[in-house]
Amino acid sequence: MGIYHFIAIGGIGMSGLAKYLLEDGHTVSGSDIADSKYIKALRNLGAKVTIGHSADNVPEGAVVVVSTAIRENNPELIRAKELGLKIYHRSDMLNEISKSAQADHKRFIGFSGTHGKTTTSGLCSYVLDKAGLEPSFVDGGIVPELHTNAQHKKGKYFVAELDESDGTIVKYNADILVINNLEEDHLDFYKNGMPDLVKTFNTAISRSKKVLVNIDNEGVKQLSGDFITYGLNDADYTAKNIEYTKEGTKFDIFRKGELLTDIKIQLSGVHNVYNTLAVVSALTEAGVTVKEIKDCFYGFTGMGRRFQKVCEINGIEVYDDYAHHPTEIRATLNSASLKFGKENIVAVFQPHRYTRLKALWNDFMTAFDEAGRVVVTDVYAASEDKIEGISGERFASELKAEYLKGDMKEVAKALLPTLKKGNIVIGLGAGTITALGKELESLELV
C-alpha cells in the first residue's frame, strides 16, 4: 500500500482522489488553507489533514499530489522536491487509479466534453450503485443521493470525470470514452481555440478502446475516429418521443432503429435527455443490460451545484448552479423556464474569469433569453489579472441587465428587497456566487 500526501486536499477533485485511496487501503495525509466538510469526511476515514501549508507536513517516502493551482513557491512542494519525492499532478493520480482499476479487471468508463461531464459521470455512478453493481468512481461533484464524489468498491466498473481544461485528458486509456460535446472554452490554455481543443481530444480518442460521441454537436463533428454515436436523429442510439412534464421527462431510446427501452427522469431540459442517453449508451456498450438499470434513473436529482435548491425565503426559491459558459447557462435557464415559467426566473450571473468573458462575450449576450430578469455581478477573477474594458458592469450595460457590485454579502443585501413571492432565483457561476443563497438566508434571519 502506498503513502500519499495531497497539497490542497480539500477541493472537490482532490478530496475525491484522497477518499478513493483511503478506501483502497492506502495511507493519506494532506493540507489546506481552511477546514471544510470534505476534509472532515477524509479525517473520519483516517486521513491526517493539517490546516496551513508547511514543509513539516510532508511525510518522507510519500507520493505528493498537486493540482494546477499549486504554485512553485508552495513550501510543501519545495520540500517534496528537496526530498526527491514523486510529484503527481491530480490527473496523474487519477490515471494511476484508473490503471489500478483496470488491472483489477474493472471497465474504465470516462466522461468528457465541454459541458455535462460532471452530471454524466455522476449519473452513471448513481445508476450503477442503485442497480447493486458496486461501482468504483471518482466524479467532479457530489452525487447527492450517494453523499459522495468518490468510492472504491468491488464491482467491475470504474467511472471517472475526465477534465480537459488543462489538456491532461490525453493521459488516460479508457475502455469507453464518452464525449458529450465540444465548444471553445478554457482559452487561457487553448490559445488557438477549437483547433487546439480538437487536437487534444483526437489524442485522447487515439488512446481509448471505444469512443461514444454526441453526433448532434457541431464541435464533435470536427473530431476524427471510429465512433459509436448518440443523438436525437441519425445516430446509433437515439432518443425519441420526448415529453416534458412538471414531474420530469420521459422518452424512448432506440438502438440502431430498434426500441431499446423507455425511460423516465426527474430532470428537465433537452440537455438532460442527452445526458441520460450518453449514460444508457455507455453502460449498454459496457455490457450492462437495460433491465438492470432502467428503473434506477428516476431517483437521480442532479449533481451538487447543478440547479441545486439551497433555500426558500418567504415563497422565494433560491438555486445554485455551476453554469459559467453560455451553453451551460442556456441549458439551466431552459430547464428552469420549462418547470417554473420564464417570468418567474431571476438569473444572477457572476462572470467567471476575465479571459472567458472576453472570448465568449457575444455568446454570453444571447445566453439569458429564458430569464425574466437578469442581474450581473463583478467578475470572479479566479487568480487572473483584470483585462481593461472587460467587467461585469460593462457586460450588464450592454445586456441591458441590472448590475450589482461588491461581494456576495453586498449583492444579497441589494437583491433581497427587490424579490417577490414566486421568484426563482438562480445563482450562475463557478466562483463565490455559490454563497448567494446562504447570504440571502442570513439576511432574512436578521
Protein backbone atom coordinates (compact mmCIF):
# COMPACT_ATOMS: atom_id res chain seq x y z
CA MET A 1 0.00 0.00 0.00
CA GLY A 2 1.22 3.50 -0.81
CA ILE A 3 1.65 6.72 1.14
CA TYR A 4 0.12 9.83 -0.45
CA HIS A 5 0.21 13.49 0.56
CA PHE A 6 -2.19 15.99 -1.04
CA ILE A 7 -1.37 19.70 -1.15
CA ALA A 8 -4.77 21.46 -1.04
CA ILE A 9 -6.65 18.27 -0.20
CA GLY A 10 -9.99 19.98 0.46
CA GLY A 11 -11.08 20.75 -3.11
CA ILE A 12 -13.82 18.72 -4.76
CA GLY A 13 -11.40 16.98 -7.15
CA MET A 14 -8.50 16.38 -4.75
CA SER A 15 -10.75 15.18 -1.93
CA GLY A 16 -12.34 12.61 -4.23
CA LEU A 17 -8.97 11.14 -5.16
CA ALA A 18 -7.93 11.08 -1.49
CA LYS A 19 -11.15 9.35 -0.44
CA TYR A 20 -10.73 6.70 -3.13
CA LEU A 21 -7.18 5.95 -1.99
CA LEU A 22 -8.24 5.72 1.65
CA GLU A 23 -10.99 3.24 0.81
CA ASP A 24 -8.46 1.26 -1.22
CA GLY A 25 -6.31 0.86 1.89
CA HIS A 26 -3.61 3.48 1.31
CA THR A 27 -2.20 5.96 3.84
CA VAL A 28 -3.26 9.53 3.07
CA SER A 29 -2.27 12.90 4.54
CA GLY A 30 -2.77 16.42 3.28
CA SER A 31 -3.04 20.12 3.96
CA ASP A 32 -5.23 23.05 3.03
CA ILE A 33 -5.69 26.67 3.98
CA ALA A 34 -9.11 26.11 5.59
CA ASP A 35 -11.19 23.31 7.04
CA SER A 36 -14.21 22.01 5.13
CA LYS A 37 -16.85 19.28 5.15
CA TYR A 38 -14.74 17.35 2.62
CA ILE A 39 -11.74 17.44 4.95
CA LYS A 40 -13.85 16.30 7.89
CA ALA A 41 -15.07 13.33 5.85
CA LEU A 42 -11.46 12.43 4.98
CA ARG A 43 -10.41 12.64 8.63
CA ASN A 44 -13.24 10.26 9.51
CA LEU A 45 -11.72 7.78 7.05
CA GLY A 46 -8.30 8.08 8.69
CA ALA A 47 -6.56 10.86 6.78
CA LYS A 48 -4.19 13.15 8.66
CA VAL A 49 -5.01 16.67 7.47
CA THR A 50 -3.26 19.86 8.61
CA ILE A 51 -4.69 23.35 8.18
CA GLY A 52 -1.98 25.57 6.74
CA HIS A 53 0.89 24.74 4.39
CA SER A 54 4.27 23.87 5.92
CA ALA A 55 7.30 21.88 4.83
CA ASP A 56 6.91 19.86 8.03
CA ASN A 57 3.61 18.42 6.73
CA VAL A 58 5.30 16.33 4.02
CA PRO A 59 5.94 12.69 5.06
CA GLU A 60 9.12 11.02 3.89
CA GLY A 61 8.53 8.41 1.21
CA ALA A 62 5.16 9.83 0.14
CA VAL A 63 3.88 10.47 -3.35
CA VAL A 64 2.91 14.14 -3.34
CA VAL A 65 -0.24 15.12 -5.26
CA VAL A 66 -0.82 18.66 -6.53
CA SER A 67 -3.30 20.48 -8.73
CA THR A 68 -2.64 23.11 -11.37
CA ALA A 69 -3.44 25.77 -8.75
CA ILE A 70 -0.38 24.92 -6.60
CA ARG A 71 2.41 27.42 -7.19
CA GLU A 72 6.13 26.60 -7.34
CA ASN A 73 6.81 28.57 -4.15
CA ASN A 74 4.49 26.39 -2.03
CA PRO A 75 6.63 25.23 0.95
CA GLU A 76 5.34 21.65 0.73
CA LEU A 77 6.11 21.40 -2.96
CA ILE A 78 9.61 22.80 -2.32
CA ARG A 79 10.13 20.23 0.45
CA ALA A 80 8.90 17.36 -1.76
CA LYS A 81 11.48 18.31 -4.38
CA GLU A 82 14.23 18.52 -1.74
CA LEU A 83 13.35 15.00 -0.61
CA GLY A 84 13.29 13.74 -4.18
CA LEU A 85 9.71 12.52 -3.84
CA LYS A 86 7.45 11.59 -6.73
CA ILE A 87 5.18 14.53 -7.54
CA TYR A 88 1.89 13.74 -9.29
CA HIS A 89 -0.49 16.23 -10.83
CA ARG A 90 -4.00 15.24 -9.80
CA SER A 91 -4.56 13.94 -13.35
CA ASP A 92 -1.54 11.64 -12.90
CA MET A 93 -3.10 10.36 -9.69
CA LEU A 94 -6.42 9.69 -11.41
CA ASN A 95 -4.54 7.97 -14.23
CA GLU A 96 -2.76 5.70 -11.73
CA ILE A 97 -6.08 4.92 -10.05
CA SER A 98 -7.68 4.08 -13.40
CA LYS A 99 -4.77 1.78 -14.34
CA SER A 100 -5.06 0.02 -11.00
CA ALA A 101 -8.80 -0.41 -11.54
CA GLN A 102 -8.22 -1.89 -15.00
CA ALA A 103 -5.55 -4.21 -13.60
CA ASP A 104 -8.25 -5.35 -11.16
CA HIS A 105 -10.45 -6.19 -14.19
CA LYS A 106 -12.71 -3.17 -13.85
CA ARG A 107 -14.00 -1.49 -17.03
CA PHE A 108 -12.97 2.18 -17.11
CA ILE A 109 -15.75 4.48 -18.37
CA GLY A 110 -14.62 8.11 -18.73
CA PHE A 111 -16.95 11.05 -19.33
CA SER A 112 -15.59 14.16 -21.04
CA GLY A 113 -16.55 17.22 -23.07
CA THR A 114 -17.02 20.92 -22.53
CA HIS A 115 -20.33 20.51 -20.70
CA GLY A 116 -22.12 17.81 -18.75
CA LYS A 117 -19.18 15.61 -17.75
CA THR A 118 -19.85 16.03 -14.02
CA THR A 119 -23.54 15.20 -14.46
CA THR A 120 -22.98 12.24 -16.78
CA SER A 121 -20.23 10.71 -14.65
CA GLY A 122 -22.34 11.25 -11.53
CA LEU A 123 -25.47 9.83 -13.15
CA CYS A 124 -23.55 6.78 -14.38
CA SER A 125 -22.09 6.20 -10.90
CA TYR A 126 -25.52 6.63 -9.29
CA VAL A 127 -27.28 4.25 -11.67
CA LEU A 128 -24.65 1.53 -11.26
CA ASP A 129 -24.78 1.90 -7.48
CA LYS A 130 -28.58 1.78 -7.33
CA ALA A 131 -28.54 -1.28 -9.59
CA GLY A 132 -26.42 -3.02 -6.95
CA LEU A 133 -23.38 -3.28 -9.23
CA GLU A 134 -21.00 -1.76 -6.64
CA PRO A 135 -19.13 0.67 -8.92
CA SER A 136 -15.92 2.46 -8.09
CA PHE A 137 -15.83 6.10 -9.18
CA VAL A 138 -14.16 9.49 -8.94
CA ASP A 139 -16.56 12.25 -10.03
CA GLY A 140 -16.16 16.01 -10.22
CA GLY A 141 -19.04 16.73 -7.87
CA ILE A 142 -21.10 15.28 -5.04
CA VAL A 143 -23.79 12.80 -6.05
CA PRO A 144 -26.48 13.97 -3.60
CA GLU A 145 -28.22 10.60 -3.19
CA LEU A 146 -24.88 8.86 -2.54
CA HIS A 147 -23.48 11.78 -0.47
CA THR A 148 -20.02 11.44 -2.00
CA ASN A 149 -17.87 12.28 -5.00
CA ALA A 150 -15.86 9.04 -4.92
CA GLN A 151 -15.91 5.47 -3.71
CA HIS A 152 -13.90 2.26 -4.05
CA LYS A 153 -15.97 -0.93 -4.26
CA LYS A 154 -15.67 -4.46 -5.61
CA GLY A 155 -17.83 -4.17 -8.76
CA LYS A 156 -16.42 -4.46 -12.27
CA TYR A 157 -16.93 -0.81 -13.32
CA PHE A 158 -14.79 2.27 -12.68
CA VAL A 159 -16.32 5.64 -13.64
CA ALA A 160 -14.50 8.97 -13.79
CA GLU A 161 -14.92 12.54 -14.98
CA LEU A 162 -12.04 13.42 -17.30
CA ASP A 163 -11.12 17.10 -17.30
CA GLU A 164 -9.93 18.78 -20.49
CA SER A 165 -9.32 22.26 -19.06
CA ASP A 166 -5.54 21.89 -18.87
CA GLY A 167 -5.01 19.27 -21.59
CA THR A 168 -4.50 16.39 -19.17
CA ILE A 169 -7.29 14.32 -20.75
CA VAL A 170 -4.61 12.88 -23.08
CA LYS A 171 -3.16 10.83 -20.20
CA TYR A 172 -5.93 8.26 -19.89
CA ASN A 173 -6.58 4.92 -21.59
CA ALA A 174 -10.33 4.50 -21.13
CA ASP A 175 -12.14 1.33 -22.09
CA ILE A 176 -15.06 3.58 -23.01
CA LEU A 177 -14.60 7.32 -23.57
CA VAL A 178 -17.78 9.43 -23.80
CA ILE A 179 -17.55 12.88 -25.40
CA ASN A 180 -20.68 14.88 -24.59
CA ASN A 181 -19.87 17.93 -26.72
CA LEU A 182 -17.05 20.24 -27.72
CA GLU A 183 -17.01 24.05 -27.66
CA GLU A 184 -14.44 26.78 -27.18
CA ASP A 185 -13.60 27.19 -23.50
CA HIS A 186 -10.54 27.43 -21.24
CA LEU A 187 -8.98 29.77 -23.76
CA ASP A 188 -6.29 30.69 -21.25
CA PHE A 189 -4.90 27.21 -22.02
CA TYR A 190 -6.17 26.59 -25.56
CA LYS A 191 -4.63 29.71 -27.09
CA ASN A 192 -5.76 28.86 -30.64
CA GLY A 193 -9.27 27.89 -29.63
CA MET A 194 -11.02 24.99 -31.34
CA PRO A 195 -8.01 23.71 -33.36
CA ASP A 196 -6.06 23.16 -30.12
CA LEU A 197 -9.09 21.61 -28.41
CA VAL A 198 -9.77 19.25 -31.32
CA LYS A 199 -6.11 18.19 -31.41
CA THR A 200 -6.18 17.38 -27.69
CA PHE A 201 -9.37 15.33 -27.97
CA ASN A 202 -8.12 13.46 -31.03
CA THR A 203 -5.13 12.38 -28.94
CA ALA A 204 -7.46 11.22 -26.16
CA ILE A 205 -9.55 9.34 -28.72
CA SER A 206 -6.49 7.54 -30.07
CA ARG A 207 -5.74 6.22 -26.56
CA SER A 208 -9.26 4.87 -25.91
CA LYS A 209 -10.61 1.43 -26.80
CA LYS A 210 -14.15 2.52 -27.60
CA VAL A 211 -15.47 6.08 -28.10
CA LEU A 212 -19.07 7.31 -27.84
CA VAL A 213 -19.89 10.80 -29.12
CA ASN A 214 -22.88 13.13 -29.24
CA ILE A 215 -23.11 13.42 -33.02
CA ASP A 216 -25.58 16.33 -32.83
CA ASN A 217 -22.86 18.63 -31.51
CA GLU A 218 -21.06 20.74 -34.12
CA GLY A 219 -17.73 20.66 -32.29
CA VAL A 220 -17.78 16.88 -32.06
CA LYS A 221 -18.16 16.68 -35.85
CA GLN A 222 -14.62 18.08 -36.16
CA LEU A 223 -13.13 15.05 -34.39
CA SER A 224 -11.51 12.10 -36.15
CA GLY A 225 -12.08 8.46 -35.32
CA ASP A 226 -14.33 5.41 -35.44
CA PHE A 227 -17.20 6.35 -33.14
CA ILE A 228 -20.37 4.93 -31.67
CA THR A 229 -22.86 7.79 -31.86
CA TYR A 230 -25.82 9.04 -29.86
CA GLY A 231 -28.22 11.89 -30.61
CA LEU A 232 -31.81 12.83 -31.33
CA ASN A 233 -31.86 11.95 -35.02
CA ASP A 234 -29.41 9.94 -37.12
CA ALA A 235 -27.27 8.02 -34.60
CA ASP A 236 -26.60 4.53 -33.24
CA TYR A 237 -28.51 5.44 -30.07
CA THR A 238 -31.41 7.90 -30.38
CA ALA A 239 -33.93 9.46 -28.04
CA LYS A 240 -37.43 9.88 -29.47
CA ASN A 241 -40.99 10.68 -28.35
CA ILE A 242 -39.69 13.15 -25.75
CA GLU A 243 -42.31 14.52 -23.33
CA TYR A 244 -41.62 17.23 -20.74
CA THR A 245 -43.89 17.38 -17.70
CA LYS A 246 -43.79 19.03 -14.30
CA GLU A 247 -42.70 15.66 -12.91
CA GLY A 248 -39.72 15.48 -15.28
CA THR A 249 -39.10 13.99 -18.71
CA LYS A 250 -39.93 10.70 -20.40
CA PHE A 251 -38.76 9.36 -23.75
CA ASP A 252 -37.89 6.24 -25.72
CA ILE A 253 -34.36 5.12 -26.56
CA PHE A 254 -33.67 3.28 -29.82
CA ARG A 255 -30.53 1.34 -30.72
CA LYS A 256 -29.87 1.11 -34.46
CA GLY A 257 -33.56 1.73 -35.15
CA GLU A 258 -34.93 -0.80 -32.65
CA LEU A 259 -36.59 0.17 -29.38
CA LEU A 260 -34.16 -0.45 -26.52
CA THR A 261 -36.21 0.95 -23.64
CA ASP A 262 -38.49 3.71 -22.45
CA ILE A 263 -37.14 5.82 -19.63
CA LYS A 264 -38.28 8.44 -17.13
CA ILE A 265 -36.14 11.04 -15.32
CA GLN A 266 -36.91 13.77 -12.78
CA LEU A 267 -34.81 16.35 -14.62
CA SER A 268 -36.00 18.77 -17.30
CA GLY A 269 -34.39 20.17 -20.44
CA VAL A 270 -33.07 18.62 -23.62
CA HIS A 271 -29.51 18.59 -22.20
CA ASN A 272 -30.68 16.08 -19.60
CA VAL A 273 -32.10 13.90 -22.37
CA TYR A 274 -28.62 13.92 -23.93
CA ASN A 275 -27.02 13.21 -20.53
CA THR A 276 -29.29 10.22 -19.94
CA LEU A 277 -28.77 8.97 -23.49
CA ALA A 278 -24.99 9.18 -23.00
CA VAL A 279 -25.15 7.06 -19.85
CA VAL A 280 -27.54 4.46 -21.27
CA SER A 281 -25.36 4.16 -24.38
CA ALA A 282 -22.13 3.84 -22.40
CA LEU A 283 -23.50 1.26 -19.98
CA THR A 284 -25.04 -0.78 -22.78
CA GLU A 285 -21.71 -0.79 -24.60
CA ALA A 286 -20.01 -1.78 -21.33
CA GLY A 287 -22.19 -4.87 -21.09
CA VAL A 288 -24.83 -3.74 -18.59
CA THR A 289 -28.36 -4.79 -19.56
CA VAL A 290 -31.13 -2.21 -19.78
CA LYS A 291 -33.24 -4.35 -17.48
CA GLU A 292 -30.65 -3.90 -14.72
CA ILE A 293 -30.62 -0.11 -14.87
CA LYS A 294 -33.87 1.17 -16.43
CA ASP A 295 -35.66 1.92 -13.15
CA CYS A 296 -32.59 3.46 -11.50
CA PHE A 297 -32.61 6.77 -13.42
CA TYR A 298 -35.67 8.45 -11.91
CA GLY A 299 -34.17 8.74 -8.41
CA PHE A 300 -31.34 10.96 -9.63
CA THR A 301 -31.98 14.62 -8.77
CA GLY A 302 -28.83 16.10 -10.31
CA MET A 303 -25.32 16.78 -9.06
CA GLY A 304 -24.37 19.20 -6.32
CA ARG A 305 -24.21 22.77 -7.67
CA ARG A 306 -26.21 21.75 -10.74
CA PHE A 307 -29.55 23.52 -10.33
CA GLN A 308 -29.43 22.68 -6.64
CA LYS A 309 -32.05 24.21 -4.38
CA VAL A 310 -30.30 25.82 -1.42
CA CYS A 311 -33.07 27.63 0.44
CA GLU A 312 -36.55 29.13 0.35
CA ILE A 313 -37.33 32.57 1.76
CA ASN A 314 -40.95 33.74 2.06
CA GLY A 315 -42.03 31.87 -1.06
CA ILE A 316 -38.84 32.73 -2.98
CA GLU A 317 -36.84 29.68 -4.04
CA VAL A 318 -33.06 30.05 -4.40
CA TYR A 319 -30.96 27.70 -6.56
CA ASP A 320 -27.22 27.35 -7.08
CA ASP A 321 -25.81 26.35 -10.46
CA TYR A 322 -22.21 25.93 -11.59
CA ALA A 323 -23.00 27.09 -15.16
CA HIS A 324 -20.29 29.51 -16.27
CA HIS A 325 -20.28 29.00 -20.06
CA PRO A 326 -23.02 30.37 -22.37
CA THR A 327 -24.19 26.90 -23.42
CA GLU A 328 -24.45 25.77 -19.79
CA ILE A 329 -26.38 28.90 -18.85
CA ARG A 330 -28.84 28.40 -21.72
CA ALA A 331 -29.39 24.80 -20.64
CA THR A 332 -30.00 25.70 -16.99
CA LEU A 333 -32.39 28.54 -17.80
CA ASN A 334 -34.23 26.42 -20.35
CA SER A 335 -34.82 23.74 -17.71
CA ALA A 336 -35.92 26.33 -15.17
CA SER A 337 -38.33 28.08 -17.54
CA LEU A 338 -39.92 24.74 -18.53
CA LYS A 339 -40.55 24.00 -14.87
CA PHE A 340 -41.33 27.41 -13.37
CA GLY A 341 -42.12 29.78 -16.25
CA LYS A 342 -39.75 32.35 -17.72
CA GLU A 343 -41.45 35.28 -16.00
CA ASN A 344 -40.52 33.91 -12.56
CA ILE A 345 -36.81 33.38 -13.23
CA VAL A 346 -34.28 35.79 -11.70
CA ALA A 347 -30.84 34.90 -13.06
CA VAL A 348 -27.91 36.24 -11.02
CA PHE A 349 -24.76 35.84 -13.11
CA GLN A 350 -21.21 36.10 -11.79
CA PRO A 351 -18.84 36.04 -14.81
CA HIS A 352 -16.01 33.55 -14.19
CA ARG A 353 -12.57 34.66 -15.46
CA TYR A 354 -11.87 37.77 -17.49
CA THR A 355 -10.45 35.67 -20.34
CA ARG A 356 -13.69 33.65 -20.69
CA LEU A 357 -15.93 36.72 -20.56
CA LYS A 358 -13.82 38.48 -23.20
CA ALA A 359 -13.55 35.49 -25.55
CA LEU A 360 -17.24 34.50 -25.34
CA TRP A 361 -18.75 37.98 -24.87
CA ASN A 362 -21.18 37.74 -27.80
CA ASP A 363 -22.27 34.22 -26.85
CA PHE A 364 -22.96 35.36 -23.28
CA MET A 365 -25.10 38.16 -24.70
CA THR A 366 -27.63 35.62 -26.01
CA ALA A 367 -27.47 33.16 -23.11
CA PHE A 368 -30.11 34.73 -20.83
CA ASP A 369 -33.18 34.76 -23.08
CA GLU A 370 -35.06 32.29 -20.84
CA ALA A 371 -34.81 34.51 -17.74
CA GLY A 372 -37.45 37.05 -16.82
CA ARG A 373 -34.85 39.18 -15.04
CA VAL A 374 -31.05 39.21 -15.21
CA VAL A 375 -28.64 40.55 -12.58
CA VAL A 376 -24.88 40.69 -13.22
CA THR A 377 -22.20 40.92 -10.54
CA ASP A 378 -18.50 41.71 -10.69
CA VAL A 379 -16.21 39.22 -12.42
CA TYR A 380 -14.75 36.38 -10.34
CA ALA A 381 -11.12 36.54 -11.45
CA ALA A 382 -10.01 33.03 -10.39
CA SER A 383 -6.43 34.34 -9.97
CA GLU A 384 -6.41 36.12 -13.35
CA ASP A 385 -5.38 39.73 -13.81
CA LYS A 386 -8.04 42.22 -14.89
CA ILE A 387 -8.45 42.93 -18.60
CA GLU A 388 -9.07 46.55 -19.49
CA GLY A 389 -12.60 47.12 -20.75
CA ILE A 390 -13.89 43.75 -19.52
CA SER A 391 -16.12 43.98 -16.46
CA GLY A 392 -19.42 42.87 -15.04
CA GLU A 393 -20.66 46.44 -15.11
CA ARG A 394 -19.97 46.88 -18.82
CA PHE A 395 -21.45 43.47 -19.63
CA ALA A 396 -24.64 44.30 -17.70
CA SER A 397 -24.91 47.62 -19.53
CA GLU A 398 -24.65 46.03 -22.97
CA LEU A 399 -27.02 43.24 -21.99
CA LYS A 400 -29.46 45.82 -20.60
CA ALA A 401 -29.45 43.90 -17.34
CA GLU A 402 -29.03 45.07 -13.74
CA TYR A 403 -25.57 45.38 -12.21
CA LEU A 404 -24.85 44.81 -8.52
CA LYS A 405 -21.33 45.45 -7.30
CA GLY A 406 -19.39 44.11 -4.36
CA ASP A 407 -19.03 40.72 -2.69
CA MET A 408 -21.88 38.24 -2.30
CA LYS A 409 -22.95 39.74 1.01
CA GLU A 410 -23.40 43.14 -0.67
CA VAL A 411 -25.11 41.58 -3.69
CA ALA A 412 -27.54 39.70 -1.45
CA LYS A 413 -28.29 42.82 0.60
CA ALA A 414 -29.16 44.81 -2.54
CA LEU A 415 -31.08 41.95 -4.17
CA LEU A 416 -33.33 40.71 -1.36
CA PRO A 417 -35.65 43.78 -1.11
CA THR A 418 -36.36 43.57 -4.86
CA LEU A 419 -37.54 39.95 -4.80
CA LYS A 420 -41.15 38.85 -4.53
CA LYS A 421 -43.03 35.67 -3.71
CA GLY A 422 -42.90 33.19 -6.58
CA ASN A 423 -39.48 34.30 -7.82
CA ILE A 424 -37.00 31.56 -8.68
CA VAL A 425 -33.52 32.98 -8.04
CA ILE A 426 -30.70 31.11 -9.79
CA GLY A 427 -27.09 31.94 -8.98
CA LEU A 428 -24.98 31.16 -12.05
CA GLY A 429 -21.20 30.79 -11.99
CA ALA A 430 -18.19 28.85 -10.74
CA GLY A 431 -16.99 31.37 -8.16
CA THR A 432 -18.32 32.89 -4.93
CA ILE A 433 -21.85 33.06 -6.38
CA THR A 434 -22.37 29.70 -4.66
CA ALA A 435 -22.69 31.66 -1.38
CA LEU A 436 -25.63 33.75 -2.64
CA GLY A 437 -28.31 31.55 -1.08
CA LYS A 438 -26.55 31.45 2.28
CA GLU A 439 -26.17 35.25 2.26
CA LEU A 440 -29.83 35.80 1.33
CA GLU A 441 -30.94 33.41 4.05
CA SER A 442 -28.76 35.07 6.68
CA LEU A 443 -30.27 38.47 5.87
CA GLU A 444 -33.76 37.06 6.26
CA LEU A 445 -32.86 35.71 9.70
CA VAL A 446 -31.59 39.07 10.94
